[in-house]
């Protein structure tokens, strides 16, 4: 039996990351300290509703794009 851990590769804003944890999109946003009220999240080429962020687990080869909204006048 192997002790090799299964790493998942995912892409966040075009950058490659690895994890062996079961994390949700919301976990990822907290980890990178995003302001949750000021962003739009695209998950595998689809806009993802905020109410689903805690229900979607990151899988191998997922592509996540985060667009932050900047206010001003």
PDB file of N, CA and C in Angstrom:
ATOM      1  N   UNK A   1       0.840  -1.180   0.000  1.00  0.00           N
ATOM      2  CA  UNK A   1       0.000   0.000   0.000  1.00  0.00           C
ATOM      3  C   UNK A   1       0.885   1.243   0.000  1.00  0.00           C
ATOM      4  N   UNK A   2       0.519   2.218  -0.819  1.00  0.00           N
ATOM      5  CA  UNK A   2       1.337   3.415  -0.993  1.00  0.00           C
ATOM      6  C   UNK A   2       0.938   4.508  -0.014  1.00  0.00           C
ATOM      7  N   UNK A   3       1.924   5.286   0.430  1.00  0.00           N
ATOM      8  CA  UNK A   3       1.671   6.444   1.269  1.00  0.00           C
ATOM      9  C   UNK A   3       1.556   7.720   0.460  1.00  0.00           C
ATOM     10  N   UNK A   4       1.582   7.604  -0.841  1.00  0.00           N
ATOM     11  CA  UNK A   4       1.521   8.774  -1.708  1.00  0.00           C
ATOM     12  C   UNK A   4       0.192   9.497  -1.514  1.00  0.00           C
ATOM     13  N   UNK A   5       0.266  10.800  -1.314  1.00  0.00           N
ATOM     14  CA  UNK A   5      -0.939  11.601  -1.151  1.00  0.00           C
ATOM     15  C   UNK A   5      -1.435  12.020  -2.526  1.00  0.00           C
ATOM     16  N   UNK A   6      -2.732  12.134  -2.655  1.00  0.00           N
ATOM     17  CA  UNK A   6      -3.328  12.554  -3.913  1.00  0.00           C
ATOM     18  C   UNK A   6      -3.502  14.071  -3.922  1.00  0.00           C
ATOM     19  N   UNK A   7      -2.695  14.732  -4.740  1.00  0.00           N
ATOM     20  CA  UNK A   7      -2.779  16.178  -4.860  1.00  0.00           C
ATOM     21  C   UNK A   7      -3.716  16.540  -5.993  1.00  0.00           C
ATOM     22  N   UNK A   8      -4.475  17.599  -5.783  1.00  0.00           N
ATOM     23  CA  UNK A   8      -5.318  18.152  -6.837  1.00  0.00           C
ATOM     24  C   UNK A   8      -4.637  19.409  -7.349  1.00  0.00           C
ATOM     25  N   UNK A   9      -4.624  19.563  -8.644  1.00  0.00           N
ATOM     26  CA  UNK A   9      -4.125  20.771  -9.270  1.00  0.00           C
ATOM     27  C   UNK A   9      -5.322  21.618  -9.642  1.00  0.00           C
ATOM     28  N   UNK A  10      -5.253  22.908  -9.329  1.00  0.00           N
ATOM     29  CA  UNK A  10      -6.300  23.818  -9.788  1.00  0.00           C
ATOM     30  C   UNK A  10      -5.644  25.129 -10.188  1.00  0.00           C
ATOM     31  N   UNK A  11      -6.377  25.921 -10.939  1.00  0.00           N
ATOM     32  CA  UNK A  11      -5.849  27.169 -11.461  1.00  0.00           C
ATOM     33  C   UNK A  11      -6.689  28.320 -10.928  1.00  0.00           C
ATOM     34  N   UNK A  12      -6.020  29.272 -10.303  1.00  0.00           N
ATOM     35  CA  UNK A  12      -6.676  30.453  -9.766  1.00  0.00           C
ATOM     36  C   UNK A  12      -6.096  31.667 -10.473  1.00  0.00           C
ATOM     37  N   UNK A  13      -6.944  32.353 -11.212  1.00  0.00           N
ATOM     38  CA  UNK A  13      -6.520  33.520 -11.997  1.00  0.00           C
ATOM     39  C   UNK A  13      -5.297  33.194 -12.854  1.00  0.00           C
ATOM     40  N   UNK A  14      -5.324  32.014 -13.454  1.00  0.00           N
ATOM     41  CA  UNK A  14      -4.261  31.600 -14.373  1.00  0.00           C
ATOM     42  C   UNK A  14      -3.032  31.009 -13.708  1.00  0.00           C
ATOM     43  N   UNK A  15      -2.955  31.052 -12.384  1.00  0.00           N
ATOM     44  CA  UNK A  15      -1.799  30.508 -11.664  1.00  0.00           C
ATOM     45  C   UNK A  15      -2.122  29.108 -11.151  1.00  0.00           C
ATOM     46  N   UNK A  16      -1.154  28.224 -11.250  1.00  0.00           N
ATOM     47  CA  UNK A  16      -1.345  26.832 -10.850  1.00  0.00           C
ATOM     48  C   UNK A  16      -1.090  26.665  -9.351  1.00  0.00           C
ATOM     49  N   UNK A  17      -2.014  25.957  -8.684  1.00  0.00           N
ATOM     50  CA  UNK A  17      -1.897  25.651  -7.259  1.00  0.00           C
ATOM     51  C   UNK A  17      -2.159  24.167  -7.051  1.00  0.00           C
ATOM     52  N   UNK A  18      -1.724  23.677  -5.897  1.00  0.00           N
ATOM     53  CA  UNK A  18      -1.919  22.271  -5.539  1.00  0.00           C
ATOM     54  C   UNK A  18      -2.494  22.190  -4.139  1.00  0.00           C
ATOM     55  N   UNK A  19      -3.341  21.193  -3.913  1.00  0.00           N
ATOM     56  CA  UNK A  19      -3.848  20.938  -2.573  1.00  0.00           C
ATOM     57  C   UNK A  19      -4.114  19.450  -2.421  1.00  0.00           C
ATOM     58  N   UNK A  20      -3.975  18.972  -1.208  1.00  0.00           N
ATOM     59  CA  UNK A  20      -4.393  17.594  -0.923  1.00  0.00           C
ATOM     60  C   UNK A  20      -5.561  17.616   0.059  1.00  0.00           C
ATOM     61  N   UNK A  21      -6.074  18.823   0.333  1.00  0.00           N
ATOM     62  CA  UNK A  21      -7.226  18.984   1.219  1.00  0.00           C
ATOM     63  C   UNK A  21      -8.503  19.044   0.398  1.00  0.00           C
ATOM     64  N   UNK A  22      -9.610  18.752   1.052  1.00  0.00           N
ATOM     65  CA  UNK A  22     -10.915  18.916   0.438  1.00  0.00           C
ATOM     66  C   UNK A  22     -11.378  20.324   0.792  1.00  0.00           C
ATOM     67  N   UNK A  23     -11.256  21.258  -0.146  1.00  0.00           N
ATOM     68  CA  UNK A  23     -11.611  22.646   0.130  1.00  0.00           C
ATOM     69  C   UNK A  23     -12.716  23.107  -0.809  1.00  0.00           C
ATOM     70  N   UNK A  24     -13.524  24.015  -0.299  1.00  0.00           N
ATOM     71  CA  UNK A  24     -14.593  24.595  -1.102  1.00  0.00           C
ATOM     72  C   UNK A  24     -14.114  25.926  -1.689  1.00  0.00           C
ATOM     73  N   UNK A  25     -14.912  26.460  -2.587  1.00  0.00           N
ATOM     74  CA  UNK A  25     -14.593  27.779  -3.122  1.00  0.00           C
ATOM     75  C   UNK A  25     -14.547  28.814  -2.006  1.00  0.00           C
ATOM     76  N   UNK A  26     -15.455  28.720  -1.053  1.00  0.00           N
ATOM     77  CA  UNK A  26     -15.470  29.667   0.062  1.00  0.00           C
ATOM     78  C   UNK A  26     -14.204  29.548   0.905  1.00  0.00           C
ATOM     79  N   UNK A  27     -13.754  28.329   1.171  1.00  0.00           N
ATOM     80  CA  UNK A  27     -12.483  28.127   1.896  1.00  0.00           C
ATOM     81  C   UNK A  27     -11.337  28.833   1.175  1.00  0.00           C
ATOM     82  N   UNK A  28     -11.318  28.691  -0.132  1.00  0.00           N
ATOM     83  CA  UNK A  28     -10.257  29.292  -0.939  1.00  0.00           C
ATOM     84  C   UNK A  28     -10.288  30.819  -0.834  1.00  0.00           C
ATOM     85  N   UNK A  29     -11.469  31.393  -0.889  1.00  0.00           N
ATOM     86  CA  UNK A  29     -11.606  32.846  -0.787  1.00  0.00           C
ATOM     87  C   UNK A  29     -11.157  33.350   0.581  1.00  0.00           C
ATOM     88  N   UNK A  30     -11.515  32.625   1.631  1.00  0.00           N
ATOM     89  CA  UNK A  30     -11.048  32.998   2.971  1.00  0.00           C
ATOM     90  C   UNK A  30      -9.529  32.871   3.075  1.00  0.00           C
ATOM     91  N   UNK A  31      -8.990  31.811   2.521  1.00  0.00           N
ATOM     92  CA  UNK A  31      -7.539  31.581   2.592  1.00  0.00           C
ATOM     93  C   UNK A  31      -6.765  32.739   1.952  1.00  0.00           C
ATOM     94  N   UNK A  32      -7.246  33.201   0.798  1.00  0.00           N
ATOM     95  CA  UNK A  32      -6.555  34.292   0.099  1.00  0.00           C
ATOM     96  C   UNK A  32      -7.052  35.671   0.533  1.00  0.00           C
ATOM     97  N   UNK A  33      -7.921  35.706   1.548  1.00  0.00           N
ATOM     98  CA  UNK A  33      -8.368  36.949   2.187  1.00  0.00           C
ATOM     99  C   UNK A  33      -9.057  37.913   1.218  1.00  0.00           C
ATOM    100  N   UNK A  34      -9.941  37.375   0.398  1.00  0.00           N
ATOM    101  CA  UNK A  34     -10.721  38.212  -0.506  1.00  0.00           C
ATOM    102  C   UNK A  34     -11.874  38.857   0.246  1.00  0.00           C
ATOM    103  N   UNK A  35     -12.244  40.065  -0.156  1.00  0.00           N
ATOM    104  CA  UNK A  35     -13.436  40.724   0.359  1.00  0.00           C
ATOM    105  C   UNK A  35     -14.627  40.120  -0.387  1.00  0.00           C
ATOM    106  N   UNK A  36     -15.402  39.303   0.284  1.00  0.00           N
ATOM    107  CA  UNK A  36     -16.451  38.520  -0.365  1.00  0.00           C
ATOM    108  C   UNK A  36     -17.557  39.367  -0.969  1.00  0.00           C
ATOM    109  N   UNK A  37     -17.738  40.574  -0.478  1.00  0.00           N
ATOM    110  CA  UNK A  37     -18.818  41.410  -1.005  1.00  0.00           C
ATOM    111  C   UNK A  37     -18.422  42.147  -2.274  1.00  0.00           C
ATOM    112  N   UNK A  38     -17.140  42.109  -2.626  1.00  0.00           N
ATOM    113  CA  UNK A  38     -16.672  42.893  -3.767  1.00  0.00           C
ATOM    114  C   UNK A  38     -16.038  42.039  -4.860  1.00  0.00           C
ATOM    115  N   UNK A  39     -16.629  40.887  -5.143  1.00  0.00           N
ATOM    116  CA  UNK A  39     -16.029  40.064  -6.188  1.00  0.00           C
ATOM    117  C   UNK A  39     -17.076  39.261  -6.944  1.00  0.00           C
ATOM    118  N   UNK A  40     -16.655  38.851  -8.124  1.00  0.00           N
ATOM    119  CA  UNK A  40     -17.419  37.924  -8.957  1.00  0.00           C
ATOM    120  C   UNK A  40     -16.523  36.723  -9.164  1.00  0.00           C
ATOM    121  N   UNK A  41     -17.077  35.539  -9.029  1.00  0.00           N
ATOM    122  CA  UNK A  41     -16.288  34.319  -9.142  1.00  0.00           C
ATOM    123  C   UNK A  41     -16.749  33.511 -10.349  1.00  0.00           C
ATOM    124  N   UNK A  42     -15.794  33.179 -11.199  1.00  0.00           N
ATOM    125  CA  UNK A  42     -16.056  32.315 -12.353  1.00  0.00           C
ATOM    126  C   UNK A  42     -15.423  30.964 -12.068  1.00  0.00           C
ATOM    127  N   UNK A  43     -16.230  29.921 -12.168  1.00  0.00           N
ATOM    128  CA  UNK A  43     -15.779  28.567 -11.869  1.00  0.00           C
ATOM    129  C   UNK A  43     -15.973  27.708 -13.110  1.00  0.00           C
ATOM    130  N   UNK A  44     -14.865  27.256 -13.685  1.00  0.00           N
ATOM    131  CA  UNK A  44     -14.900  26.447 -14.919  1.00  0.00           C
ATOM    132  C   UNK A  44     -15.762  27.099 -15.992  1.00  0.00           C
ATOM    133  N   UNK A  45     -15.500  28.380 -16.211  1.00  0.00           N
ATOM    134  CA  UNK A  45     -16.112  29.187 -17.277  1.00  0.00           C
ATOM    135  C   UNK A  45     -17.561  29.575 -17.043  1.00  0.00           C
ATOM    136  N   UNK A  46     -18.070  29.406 -15.827  1.00  0.00           N
ATOM    137  CA  UNK A  46     -19.426  29.832 -15.502  1.00  0.00           C
ATOM    138  C   UNK A  46     -19.401  30.733 -14.271  1.00  0.00           C
ATOM    139  N   UNK A  47     -20.204  31.800 -14.297  1.00  0.00           N
ATOM    140  CA  UNK A  47     -20.324  32.651 -13.117  1.00  0.00           C
ATOM    141  C   UNK A  47     -20.989  31.821 -12.019  1.00  0.00           C
ATOM    142  N   UNK A  48     -20.398  31.851 -10.844  1.00  0.00           N
ATOM    143  CA  UNK A  48     -20.879  31.023  -9.731  1.00  0.00           C
ATOM    144  C   UNK A  48     -21.586  31.899  -8.709  1.00  0.00           C
ATOM    145  N   UNK A  49     -22.820  31.541  -8.383  1.00  0.00           N
ATOM    146  CA  UNK A  49     -23.620  32.267  -7.415  1.00  0.00           C
ATOM    147  C   UNK A  49     -23.018  32.130  -6.013  1.00  0.00           C
ATOM    148  N   UNK A  50     -22.999  33.226  -5.259  1.00  0.00           N
ATOM    149  CA  UNK A  50     -22.417  33.233  -3.914  1.00  0.00           C
ATOM    150  C   UNK A  50     -23.010  32.162  -3.003  1.00  0.00           C
ATOM    151  N   UNK A  51     -24.295  31.873  -3.162  1.00  0.00           N
ATOM    152  CA  UNK A  51     -24.930  30.900  -2.270  1.00  0.00           C
ATOM    153  C   UNK A  51     -24.383  29.487  -2.455  1.00  0.00           C
ATOM    154  N   UNK A  52     -23.628  29.249  -3.537  1.00  0.00           N
ATOM    155  CA  UNK A  52     -23.056  27.925  -3.806  1.00  0.00           C
ATOM    156  C   UNK A  52     -21.580  27.805  -3.444  1.00  0.00           C
ATOM    157  N   UNK A  53     -20.949  28.895  -3.057  1.00  0.00           N
ATOM    158  CA  UNK A  53     -19.509  28.869  -2.799  1.00  0.00           C
ATOM    159  C   UNK A  53     -19.120  27.870  -1.714  1.00  0.00           C
ATOM    160  N   UNK A  54     -19.965  27.671  -0.740  1.00  0.00           N
ATOM    161  CA  UNK A  54     -19.623  26.737   0.342  1.00  0.00           C
ATOM    162  C   UNK A  54     -20.022  25.300   0.014  1.00  0.00           C
ATOM    163  N   UNK A  55     -20.655  25.091  -1.134  1.00  0.00           N
ATOM    164  CA  UNK A  55     -21.118  23.753  -1.531  1.00  0.00           C
ATOM    165  C   UNK A  55     -20.257  23.119  -2.623  1.00  0.00           C
ATOM    166  N   UNK A  56     -19.429  23.927  -3.273  1.00  0.00           N
ATOM    167  CA  UNK A  56     -18.626  23.430  -4.391  1.00  0.00           C
ATOM    168  C   UNK A  56     -17.207  23.143  -3.915  1.00  0.00           C
ATOM    169  N   UNK A  57     -16.820  21.881  -3.982  1.00  0.00           N
ATOM    170  CA  UNK A  57     -15.453  21.480  -3.626  1.00  0.00           C
ATOM    171  C   UNK A  57     -14.559  21.575  -4.855  1.00  0.00           C
ATOM    172  N   UNK A  58     -13.357  22.025  -4.631  1.00  0.00           N
ATOM    173  CA  UNK A  58     -12.394  22.153  -5.723  1.00  0.00           C
ATOM    174  C   UNK A  58     -11.913  20.773  -6.133  1.00  0.00           C
ATOM    175  N   UNK A  59     -11.966  20.534  -7.425  1.00  0.00           N
ATOM    176  CA  UNK A  59     -11.571  19.255  -7.999  1.00  0.00           C
ATOM    177  C   UNK A  59     -10.325  19.445  -8.865  1.00  0.00           C
ATOM    178  N   UNK A  60      -9.731  18.345  -9.284  1.00  0.00           N
ATOM    179  CA  UNK A  60      -8.535  18.393 -10.106  1.00  0.00           C
ATOM    180  C   UNK A  60      -8.815  19.133 -11.415  1.00  0.00           C
ATOM    181  N   UNK A  61      -7.915  20.026 -11.777  1.00  0.00           N
ATOM    182  CA  UNK A  61      -7.948  20.808 -13.019  1.00  0.00           C
ATOM    183  C   UNK A  61      -9.048  21.853 -13.088  1.00  0.00           C
ATOM    184  N   UNK A  62      -9.656  22.199 -11.951  1.00  0.00           N
ATOM    185  CA  UNK A  62     -10.644  23.280 -11.953  1.00  0.00           C
ATOM    186  C   UNK A  62      -9.972  24.598 -12.299  1.00  0.00           C
ATOM    187  N   UNK A  63     -10.745  25.449 -12.966  1.00  0.00           N
ATOM    188  CA  UNK A  63     -10.271  26.787 -13.318  1.00  0.00           C
ATOM    189  C   UNK A  63     -11.176  27.803 -12.628  1.00  0.00           C
ATOM    190  N   UNK A  64     -10.544  28.649 -11.797  1.00  0.00           N
ATOM    191  CA  UNK A  64     -11.270  29.633 -11.016  1.00  0.00           C
ATOM    192  C   UNK A  64     -10.708  31.002 -11.362  1.00  0.00           C
ATOM    193  N   UNK A  65     -11.593  31.920 -11.702  1.00  0.00           N
ATOM    194  CA  UNK A  65     -11.203  33.298 -11.975  1.00  0.00           C
ATOM    195  C   UNK A  65     -11.965  34.164 -10.993  1.00  0.00           C
ATOM    196  N   UNK A  66     -11.249  35.081 -10.362  1.00  0.00           N
ATOM    197  CA  UNK A  66     -11.867  35.983  -9.402  1.00  0.00           C
ATOM    198  C   UNK A  66     -11.666  37.401  -9.902  1.00  0.00           C
ATOM    199  N   UNK A  67     -12.791  38.091 -10.057  1.00  0.00           N
ATOM    200  CA  UNK A  67     -12.760  39.476 -10.512  1.00  0.00           C
ATOM    201  C   UNK A  67     -13.203  40.336  -9.344  1.00  0.00           C
ATOM    202  N   UNK A  68     -12.328  41.230  -8.905  1.00  0.00           N
ATOM    203  CA  UNK A  68     -12.680  42.116  -7.796  1.00  0.00           C
ATOM    204  C   UNK A  68     -13.273  43.394  -8.359  1.00  0.00           C
ATOM    205  N   UNK A  69     -14.256  43.914  -7.646  1.00  0.00           N
ATOM    206  CA  UNK A  69     -14.958  45.121  -8.058  1.00  0.00           C
ATOM    207  C   UNK A  69     -14.362  46.289  -7.280  1.00  0.00           C
ATOM    208  N   UNK A  70     -13.980  47.332  -8.010  1.00  0.00           N
ATOM    209  CA  UNK A  70     -13.386  48.500  -7.392  1.00  0.00           C
ATOM    210  C   UNK A  70     -14.326  49.671  -7.608  1.00  0.00           C
ATOM    211  N   UNK A  71     -14.707  50.304  -6.521  1.00  0.00           N
ATOM    212  CA  UNK A  71     -15.585  51.470  -6.607  1.00  0.00           C
ATOM    213  C   UNK A  71     -14.774  52.745  -6.666  1.00  0.00           C
ATOM    214  N   UNK A  72     -15.398  53.774  -7.086  1.00  0.00           N
ATOM    215  CA  UNK A  72     -14.711  55.060  -7.138  1.00  0.00           C
ATOM    216  C   UNK A  72     -15.583  56.078  -7.834  1.00  0.00           C
ATOM    217  N   UNK A  73     -15.070  57.254  -7.916  1.00  0.00           N
ATOM    218  CA  UNK A  73     -15.881  58.298  -8.540  1.00  0.00           C
ATOM    219  C   UNK A  73     -15.063  59.282  -9.279  1.00  0.00           C
TER     220      UNK A  73
END
